[in-house]
Amino acid sequence: MENISHNTGLLSAIGRKLAEILDGHSAGELASYVCLSFVAGLITDTAVGGSILIHLLNWRHGLLPTFGIVSFVVFNHRWLWSFVPSLKTVGDRAKGDTIEGIPTVELLDHLFTARSLKVKEVTAKFRVPQYRVEELIKNLKRVSVLVPGANNASVLNSEFSRQDVAAILTVSNAKDLEPLFRKDSLGFTSRPSAIEIQERVDDALTPLPRAPGFVTRNLASVC
């Protein structure tokens, strides 16, 4: 009888001590301890040549590792996705830089050939939705690349050179376009360069003034 009472008291003391230990930890911490203990047991079993880990991996044709991998991917998909380029970026790299779905180089060619952007014409040529062309035209006007022309057309601002516009078209969304900011001989400026380029071309093509010729004089004959 005394032995039973002693065992009962011992179990009660152990239970109280265990309750005190558990009371100071959250459910998450306890679950973490259980998982770590389980992993430690597997490592120990593997180290001594046991087969528990092999049985767990092969249980129901690999159900546990498959479940673990799927759970990891589901709960960490945002973190994993940050390491993978988006499909749009991959597509853009394959066909070059684009803005509103239009290849930038082709847009520059069209703009400096037609000297204007017309909604229907650009929509049909580049096969992009009309709203994207309208968004592009609106924002090119905002940064002064396009200006109003005859019959309310959107025409190219003659003060902008091709390199000016190329420096502006460095984003994929038209709403992100920024006004021109370029380097010149004095530092940086927002002034377009077409006029300066034309002046340099004119100076290069202007003939140099003729050098003064030799003046001939009649020399007196010496007798």
C-alpha atoms as a PDB file:
ATOM      1  CA  MET A   1       0.000   0.000   0.000  1.00  0.00           C
ATOM      2  CA  GLU A   2       2.816   2.335   0.918  1.00  0.00           C
ATOM      3  CA  ASN A   3       4.521   1.439  -2.395  1.00  0.00           C
ATOM      4  CA  ILE A   4       1.426   2.445  -4.378  1.00  0.00           C
ATOM      5  CA  SER A   5       1.151   5.715  -2.479  1.00  0.00           C
ATOM      6  CA  HIS A   6       4.830   6.416  -3.112  1.00  0.00           C
ATOM      7  CA  ASN A   7       4.435   5.769  -6.857  1.00  0.00           C
ATOM      8  CA  THR A   8       1.344   7.954  -6.969  1.00  0.00           C
ATOM      9  CA  GLY A   9       3.151  10.807  -5.241  1.00  0.00           C
ATOM     10  CA  LEU A  10       6.125  10.436  -7.585  1.00  0.00           C
ATOM     11  CA  LEU A  11       3.890  10.566 -10.653  1.00  0.00           C
ATOM     12  CA  SER A  12       2.118  13.626  -9.271  1.00  0.00           C
ATOM     13  CA  ALA A  13       5.429  15.388  -8.686  1.00  0.00           C
ATOM     14  CA  ILE A  14       6.591  14.534 -12.223  1.00  0.00           C
ATOM     15  CA  GLY A  15       3.248  15.747 -13.626  1.00  0.00           C
ATOM     16  CA  ARG A  16       3.494  19.052 -11.736  1.00  0.00           C
ATOM     17  CA  LYS A  17       7.066  19.559 -12.921  1.00  0.00           C
ATOM     18  CA  LEU A  18       6.110  18.815 -16.521  1.00  0.00           C
ATOM     19  CA  ALA A  19       3.178  21.234 -16.288  1.00  0.00           C
ATOM     20  CA  GLU A  20       5.528  23.965 -15.000  1.00  0.00           C
ATOM     21  CA  ILE A  21       7.872  23.378 -17.959  1.00  0.00           C
ATOM     22  CA  LEU A  22       5.063  23.404 -20.519  1.00  0.00           C
ATOM     23  CA  ASP A  23       3.399  26.451 -18.981  1.00  0.00           C
ATOM     24  CA  GLY A  24       6.355  28.691 -19.900  1.00  0.00           C
ATOM     25  CA  HIS A  25       6.254  27.888 -23.630  1.00  0.00           C
ATOM     26  CA  SER A  26       3.837  28.617 -26.449  1.00  0.00           C
ATOM     27  CA  ALA A  27       2.227  25.950 -28.611  1.00  0.00           C
ATOM     28  CA  GLY A  28       4.520  26.901 -31.483  1.00  0.00           C
ATOM     29  CA  GLU A  29       7.626  26.464 -29.360  1.00  0.00           C
ATOM     30  CA  LEU A  30       6.428  23.081 -28.146  1.00  0.00           C
ATOM     31  CA  ALA A  31       5.716  21.956 -31.698  1.00  0.00           C
ATOM     32  CA  SER A  32       9.187  23.128 -32.685  1.00  0.00           C
ATOM     33  CA  TYR A  33      10.747  21.114 -29.866  1.00  0.00           C
ATOM     34  CA  VAL A  34       8.830  18.007 -30.925  1.00  0.00           C
ATOM     35  CA  CYS A  35       9.963  18.419 -34.549  1.00  0.00           C
ATOM     36  CA  LEU A  36      13.572  18.982 -33.524  1.00  0.00           C
ATOM     37  CA  SER A  37      13.463  15.926 -31.289  1.00  0.00           C
ATOM     38  CA  PHE A  38      12.043  13.893 -34.151  1.00  0.00           C
ATOM     39  CA  VAL A  39      14.783  15.114 -36.512  1.00  0.00           C
ATOM     40  CA  ALA A  40      17.453  14.409 -33.884  1.00  0.00           C
ATOM     41  CA  GLY A  41      16.095  10.883 -33.527  1.00  0.00           C
ATOM     42  CA  LEU A  42      16.238  10.325 -37.284  1.00  0.00           C
ATOM     43  CA  ILE A  43      19.812  11.625 -37.478  1.00  0.00           C
ATOM     44  CA  THR A  44      20.845   9.389 -34.588  1.00  0.00           C
ATOM     45  CA  ASP A  45      19.138   6.389 -36.155  1.00  0.00           C
ATOM     46  CA  THR A  46      20.867   7.037 -39.499  1.00  0.00           C
ATOM     47  CA  ALA A  47      24.239   7.516 -37.841  1.00  0.00           C
ATOM     48  CA  VAL A  48      24.083   4.100 -36.169  1.00  0.00           C
ATOM     49  CA  GLY A  49      22.945   2.361 -39.337  1.00  0.00           C
ATOM     50  CA  GLY A  50      19.233   2.247 -38.578  1.00  0.00           C
ATOM     51  CA  SER A  51      16.455   2.017 -41.155  1.00  0.00           C
ATOM     52  CA  ILE A  52      13.715   4.216 -39.669  1.00  0.00           C
ATOM     53  CA  LEU A  53      14.459   7.086 -42.059  1.00  0.00           C
ATOM     54  CA  ILE A  54      14.395   4.765 -45.078  1.00  0.00           C
ATOM     55  CA  HIS A  55      11.046   3.317 -44.011  1.00  0.00           C
ATOM     56  CA  LEU A  56       9.590   6.807 -43.536  1.00  0.00           C
ATOM     57  CA  LEU A  57      10.816   7.972 -46.948  1.00  0.00           C
ATOM     58  CA  ASN A  58       9.386   4.906 -48.663  1.00  0.00           C
ATOM     59  CA  TRP A  59       6.120   4.805 -46.701  1.00  0.00           C
ATOM     60  CA  ARG A  60       3.157   4.821 -49.102  1.00  0.00           C
ATOM     61  CA  HIS A  61       5.427   5.445 -52.102  1.00  0.00           C
ATOM     62  CA  GLY A  62       7.113   8.531 -50.675  1.00  0.00           C
ATOM     63  CA  LEU A  63       4.030  10.253 -49.267  1.00  0.00           C
ATOM     64  CA  LEU A  64       5.859  12.044 -46.443  1.00  0.00           C
ATOM     65  CA  PRO A  65       8.672  13.677 -48.485  1.00  0.00           C
ATOM     66  CA  THR A  66       6.173  14.624 -51.201  1.00  0.00           C
ATOM     67  CA  PHE A  67       3.903  16.213 -48.590  1.00  0.00           C
ATOM     68  CA  GLY A  68       6.888  18.055 -47.102  1.00  0.00           C
ATOM     69  CA  ILE A  69       8.023  19.446 -50.448  1.00  0.00           C
ATOM     70  CA  VAL A  70       4.524  20.537 -51.457  1.00  0.00           C
ATOM     71  CA  SER A  71       3.951  22.184 -48.059  1.00  0.00           C
ATOM     72  CA  PHE A  72       7.257  24.034 -48.313  1.00  0.00           C
ATOM     73  CA  VAL A  73       6.402  25.344 -51.786  1.00  0.00           C
ATOM     74  CA  VAL A  74       2.853  26.377 -50.786  1.00  0.00           C
ATOM     75  CA  PHE A  75       3.876  28.249 -47.644  1.00  0.00           C
ATOM     76  CA  ASN A  76       6.977  29.825 -49.183  1.00  0.00           C
ATOM     77  CA  HIS A  77       5.811  30.495 -52.737  1.00  0.00           C
ATOM     78  CA  ARG A  78       6.310  34.281 -52.465  1.00  0.00           C
ATOM     79  CA  TRP A  79       9.884  33.858 -51.286  1.00  0.00           C
ATOM     80  CA  LEU A  80      10.607  31.259 -53.974  1.00  0.00           C
ATOM     81  CA  TRP A  81       8.984  33.404 -56.675  1.00  0.00           C
ATOM     82  CA  SER A  82      11.315  36.290 -55.838  1.00  0.00           C
ATOM     83  CA  PHE A  83      14.185  34.238 -57.282  1.00  0.00           C
ATOM     84  CA  VAL A  84      12.387  33.487 -60.542  1.00  0.00           C
ATOM     85  CA  PRO A  85      12.078  36.183 -63.282  1.00  0.00           C
ATOM     86  CA  SER A  86       8.508  36.866 -64.285  1.00  0.00           C
ATOM     87  CA  LEU A  87       7.250  35.539 -67.596  1.00  0.00           C
ATOM     88  CA  LYS A  88       6.836  39.077 -68.857  1.00  0.00           C
ATOM     89  CA  THR A  89      10.465  39.910 -68.116  1.00  0.00           C
ATOM     90  CA  VAL A  90      11.619  36.777 -69.902  1.00  0.00           C
ATOM     91  CA  GLY A  91       9.475  37.669 -72.913  1.00  0.00           C
ATOM     92  CA  ASP A  92      10.771  41.224 -72.963  1.00  0.00           C
ATOM     93  CA  ARG A  93      14.360  40.021 -72.884  1.00  0.00           C
ATOM     94  CA  ALA A  94      13.663  37.670 -75.766  1.00  0.00           C
ATOM     95  CA  LYS A  95      12.299  40.370 -78.030  1.00  0.00           C
ATOM     96  CA  GLY A  96      14.098  43.415 -76.644  1.00  0.00           C
ATOM     97  CA  ASP A  97      12.894  46.336 -74.525  1.00  0.00           C
ATOM     98  CA  THR A  98       9.251  47.296 -74.913  1.00  0.00           C
ATOM     99  CA  ILE A  99       6.902  50.006 -73.751  1.00  0.00           C
ATOM    100  CA  GLU A 100       3.198  49.238 -73.507  1.00  0.00           C
ATOM    101  CA  GLY A 101       3.930  46.036 -75.428  1.00  0.00           C
ATOM    102  CA  ILE A 102       5.577  47.841 -78.355  1.00  0.00           C
ATOM    103  CA  PRO A 103       9.274  47.175 -79.087  1.00  0.00           C
ATOM    104  CA  THR A 104      11.111  50.392 -78.258  1.00  0.00           C
ATOM    105  CA  VAL A 105      13.390  50.389 -81.302  1.00  0.00           C
ATOM    106  CA  GLU A 106      10.465  49.823 -83.666  1.00  0.00           C
ATOM    107  CA  LEU A 107       8.497  52.572 -81.941  1.00  0.00           C
ATOM    108  CA  LEU A 108      11.407  54.976 -82.431  1.00  0.00           C
ATOM    109  CA  ASP A 109      11.666  54.021 -86.106  1.00  0.00           C
ATOM    110  CA  HIS A 110       7.956  54.635 -86.620  1.00  0.00           C
ATOM    111  CA  LEU A 111       7.928  57.885 -84.669  1.00  0.00           C
ATOM    112  CA  PHE A 112      10.867  59.434 -86.551  1.00  0.00           C
ATOM    113  CA  THR A 113       9.583  58.213 -89.908  1.00  0.00           C
ATOM    114  CA  ALA A 114       5.917  59.167 -89.609  1.00  0.00           C
ATOM    115  CA  ARG A 115       6.711  62.113 -87.281  1.00  0.00           C
ATOM    116  CA  SER A 116       3.474  61.378 -85.433  1.00  0.00           C
ATOM    117  CA  LEU A 117       1.559  58.734 -83.478  1.00  0.00           C
ATOM    118  CA  LYS A 118      -1.962  57.868 -84.570  1.00  0.00           C
ATOM    119  CA  VAL A 119      -4.010  55.509 -82.416  1.00  0.00           C
ATOM    120  CA  LYS A 120      -5.519  53.362 -85.166  1.00  0.00           C
ATOM    121  CA  GLU A 121      -2.314  53.224 -87.175  1.00  0.00           C
ATOM    122  CA  VAL A 122      -0.128  52.183 -84.219  1.00  0.00           C
ATOM    123  CA  THR A 123      -2.740  49.719 -82.913  1.00  0.00           C
ATOM    124  CA  ALA A 124      -2.899  47.935 -86.273  1.00  0.00           C
ATOM    125  CA  LYS A 125       0.850  48.017 -86.920  1.00  0.00           C
ATOM    126  CA  PHE A 126       2.030  46.699 -83.558  1.00  0.00           C
ATOM    127  CA  ARG A 127      -1.069  44.616 -82.711  1.00  0.00           C
ATOM    128  CA  VAL A 128      -1.538  46.019 -79.224  1.00  0.00           C
ATOM    129  CA  PRO A 129      -4.795  47.030 -77.495  1.00  0.00           C
ATOM    130  CA  GLN A 130      -6.020  50.515 -78.294  1.00  0.00           C
ATOM    131  CA  TYR A 131      -6.049  51.572 -74.647  1.00  0.00           C
ATOM    132  CA  ARG A 132      -2.288  50.927 -74.410  1.00  0.00           C
ATOM    133  CA  VAL A 133      -1.597  53.155 -77.417  1.00  0.00           C
ATOM    134  CA  GLU A 134      -3.794  55.873 -75.926  1.00  0.00           C
ATOM    135  CA  GLU A 135      -1.900  55.571 -72.640  1.00  0.00           C
ATOM    136  CA  LEU A 136       1.398  55.857 -74.497  1.00  0.00           C
ATOM    137  CA  ILE A 137       0.325  58.933 -76.453  1.00  0.00           C
ATOM    138  CA  LYS A 138      -1.060  60.614 -73.334  1.00  0.00           C
ATOM    139  CA  ASN A 139       2.192  60.205 -71.427  1.00  0.00           C
ATOM    140  CA  LEU A 140       4.424  61.129 -74.370  1.00  0.00           C
ATOM    141  CA  LYS A 141       2.466  64.392 -74.471  1.00  0.00           C
ATOM    142  CA  ARG A 142       3.006  64.790 -70.738  1.00  0.00           C
ATOM    143  CA  VAL A 143       6.797  64.694 -71.190  1.00  0.00           C
ATOM    144  CA  SER A 144       6.567  66.961 -74.288  1.00  0.00           C
ATOM    145  CA  VAL A 145       7.776  64.375 -76.824  1.00  0.00           C
ATOM    146  CA  LEU A 146       4.444  64.711 -78.637  1.00  0.00           C
ATOM    147  CA  VAL A 147       2.710  68.021 -79.233  1.00  0.00           C
ATOM    148  CA  PRO A 148      -0.655  68.917 -80.785  1.00  0.00           C
ATOM    149  CA  GLY A 149      -0.601  69.155 -84.555  1.00  0.00           C
ATOM    150  CA  ALA A 150      -3.032  69.797 -87.376  1.00  0.00           C
ATOM    151  CA  ASN A 151      -6.507  68.283 -86.927  1.00  0.00           C
ATOM    152  CA  ASN A 152      -5.702  67.549 -83.270  1.00  0.00           C
ATOM    153  CA  ALA A 153      -3.029  65.030 -84.292  1.00  0.00           C
ATOM    154  CA  SER A 154      -0.194  64.026 -81.955  1.00  0.00           C
ATOM    155  CA  VAL A 155       3.006  64.944 -83.756  1.00  0.00           C
ATOM    156  CA  LEU A 156       6.652  64.612 -82.797  1.00  0.00           C
ATOM    157  CA  ASN A 157       8.171  67.653 -81.107  1.00  0.00           C
ATOM    158  CA  SER A 158      10.842  68.783 -83.581  1.00  0.00           C
ATOM    159  CA  GLU A 159      13.114  69.899 -80.718  1.00  0.00           C
ATOM    160  CA  PHE A 160      13.649  66.263 -79.645  1.00  0.00           C
ATOM    161  CA  SER A 161      16.334  64.180 -81.316  1.00  0.00           C
ATOM    162  CA  ARG A 162      16.127  60.400 -81.608  1.00  0.00           C
ATOM    163  CA  GLN A 163      18.666  60.002 -78.807  1.00  0.00           C
ATOM    164  CA  ASP A 164      16.537  62.256 -76.579  1.00  0.00           C
ATOM    165  CA  VAL A 165      13.441  60.122 -77.093  1.00  0.00           C
ATOM    166  CA  ALA A 166      15.440  56.911 -76.688  1.00  0.00           C
ATOM    167  CA  ALA A 167      16.707  58.204 -73.329  1.00  0.00           C
ATOM    168  CA  ILE A 168      13.089  58.750 -72.238  1.00  0.00           C
ATOM    169  CA  LEU A 169      11.712  55.400 -73.460  1.00  0.00           C
ATOM    170  CA  THR A 170      13.541  53.304 -70.872  1.00  0.00           C
ATOM    171  CA  VAL A 171      10.487  52.004 -68.989  1.00  0.00           C
ATOM    172  CA  SER A 172       7.902  49.375 -69.843  1.00  0.00           C
ATOM    173  CA  ASN A 173       4.860  51.321 -68.596  1.00  0.00           C
ATOM    174  CA  ALA A 174       4.049  54.681 -70.132  1.00  0.00           C
ATOM    175  CA  LYS A 175       2.853  56.075 -66.796  1.00  0.00           C
ATOM    176  CA  ASP A 176       6.448  55.782 -65.535  1.00  0.00           C
ATOM    177  CA  LEU A 177       7.910  58.030 -68.248  1.00  0.00           C
ATOM    178  CA  GLU A 178      10.053  60.866 -66.916  1.00  0.00           C
ATOM    179  CA  PRO A 179      10.925  64.158 -68.640  1.00  0.00           C
ATOM    180  CA  LEU A 180      14.221  64.384 -70.478  1.00  0.00           C
ATOM    181  CA  PHE A 181      17.311  64.802 -68.307  1.00  0.00           C
ATOM    182  CA  ARG A 182      20.562  64.554 -70.215  1.00  0.00           C
ATOM    183  CA  LYS A 183      24.201  65.486 -69.951  1.00  0.00           C
ATOM    184  CA  ASP A 184      25.631  68.331 -71.985  1.00  0.00           C
ATOM    185  CA  SER A 185      28.875  70.319 -72.095  1.00  0.00           C
ATOM    186  CA  LEU A 186      27.870  72.361 -69.039  1.00  0.00           C
ATOM    187  CA  GLY A 187      26.594  69.509 -66.901  1.00  0.00           C
ATOM    188  CA  PHE A 188      22.997  68.295 -67.046  1.00  0.00           C
ATOM    189  CA  THR A 189      19.946  69.808 -68.697  1.00  0.00           C
ATOM    190  CA  SER A 190      16.348  69.038 -69.608  1.00  0.00           C
ATOM    191  CA  ARG A 191      16.662  70.943 -72.891  1.00  0.00           C
ATOM    192  CA  PRO A 192      16.158  68.785 -76.040  1.00  0.00           C
ATOM    193  CA  SER A 193      19.206  68.424 -78.276  1.00  0.00           C
ATOM    194  CA  ALA A 194      17.825  68.430 -81.837  1.00  0.00           C
ATOM    195  CA  ILE A 195      18.625  72.109 -82.414  1.00  0.00           C
ATOM    196  CA  GLU A 196      22.162  71.747 -81.031  1.00  0.00           C
ATOM    197  CA  ILE A 197      22.794  68.698 -83.208  1.00  0.00           C
ATOM    198  CA  GLN A 198      21.569  70.522 -86.296  1.00  0.00           C
ATOM    199  CA  GLU A 199      23.798  73.491 -85.495  1.00  0.00           C
ATOM    200  CA  ARG A 200      26.816  71.205 -85.205  1.00  0.00           C
ATOM    201  CA  VAL A 201      25.953  69.575 -88.528  1.00  0.00           C
ATOM    202  CA  ASP A 202      25.560  72.965 -90.224  1.00  0.00           C
ATOM    203  CA  ASP A 203      28.901  74.116 -88.856  1.00  0.00           C
ATOM    204  CA  ALA A 204      30.571  70.947 -90.109  1.00  0.00           C
ATOM    205  CA  LEU A 205      29.112  71.414 -93.597  1.00  0.00           C
ATOM    206  CA  THR A 206      29.884  75.120 -93.888  1.00  0.00           C
ATOM    207  CA  PRO A 207      32.877  75.611 -96.253  1.00  0.00           C
ATOM    208  CA  LEU A 208      35.959  77.063 -94.653  1.00  0.00           C
ATOM    209  CA  PRO A 209      36.942  80.559 -95.829  1.00  0.00           C
ATOM    210  CA  ARG A 210      39.535  80.538 -98.574  1.00  0.00           C
ATOM    211  CA  ALA A 211      43.082  81.259 -97.595  1.00  0.00           C
ATOM    212  CA  PRO A 212      44.417  84.536 -99.048  1.00  0.00           C
ATOM    213  CA  GLY A 213      46.291  83.975-102.337  1.00  0.00           C
ATOM    214  CA  PHE A 214      49.748  85.155-103.246  1.00  0.00           C
ATOM    215  CA  VAL A 215      50.015  88.661-104.616  1.00  0.00           C
ATOM    216  CA  THR A 216      52.208  88.862-107.708  1.00  0.00           C
ATOM    217  CA  ARG A 217      54.131  91.956-108.578  1.00  0.00           C
ATOM    218  CA  ASN A 218      56.127  92.927-111.640  1.00  0.00           C
ATOM    219  CA  LEU A 219      59.788  93.001-110.808  1.00  0.00           C
ATOM    220  CA  ALA A 220      61.990  95.644-112.444  1.00  0.00           C
ATOM    221  CA  SER A 221      64.448  94.214-114.928  1.00  0.00           C
ATOM    222  CA  VAL A 222      68.024  94.416-113.905  1.00  0.00           C
ATOM    223  CA  CYS A 223      70.356  95.745-116.578  1.00  0.00           C
END
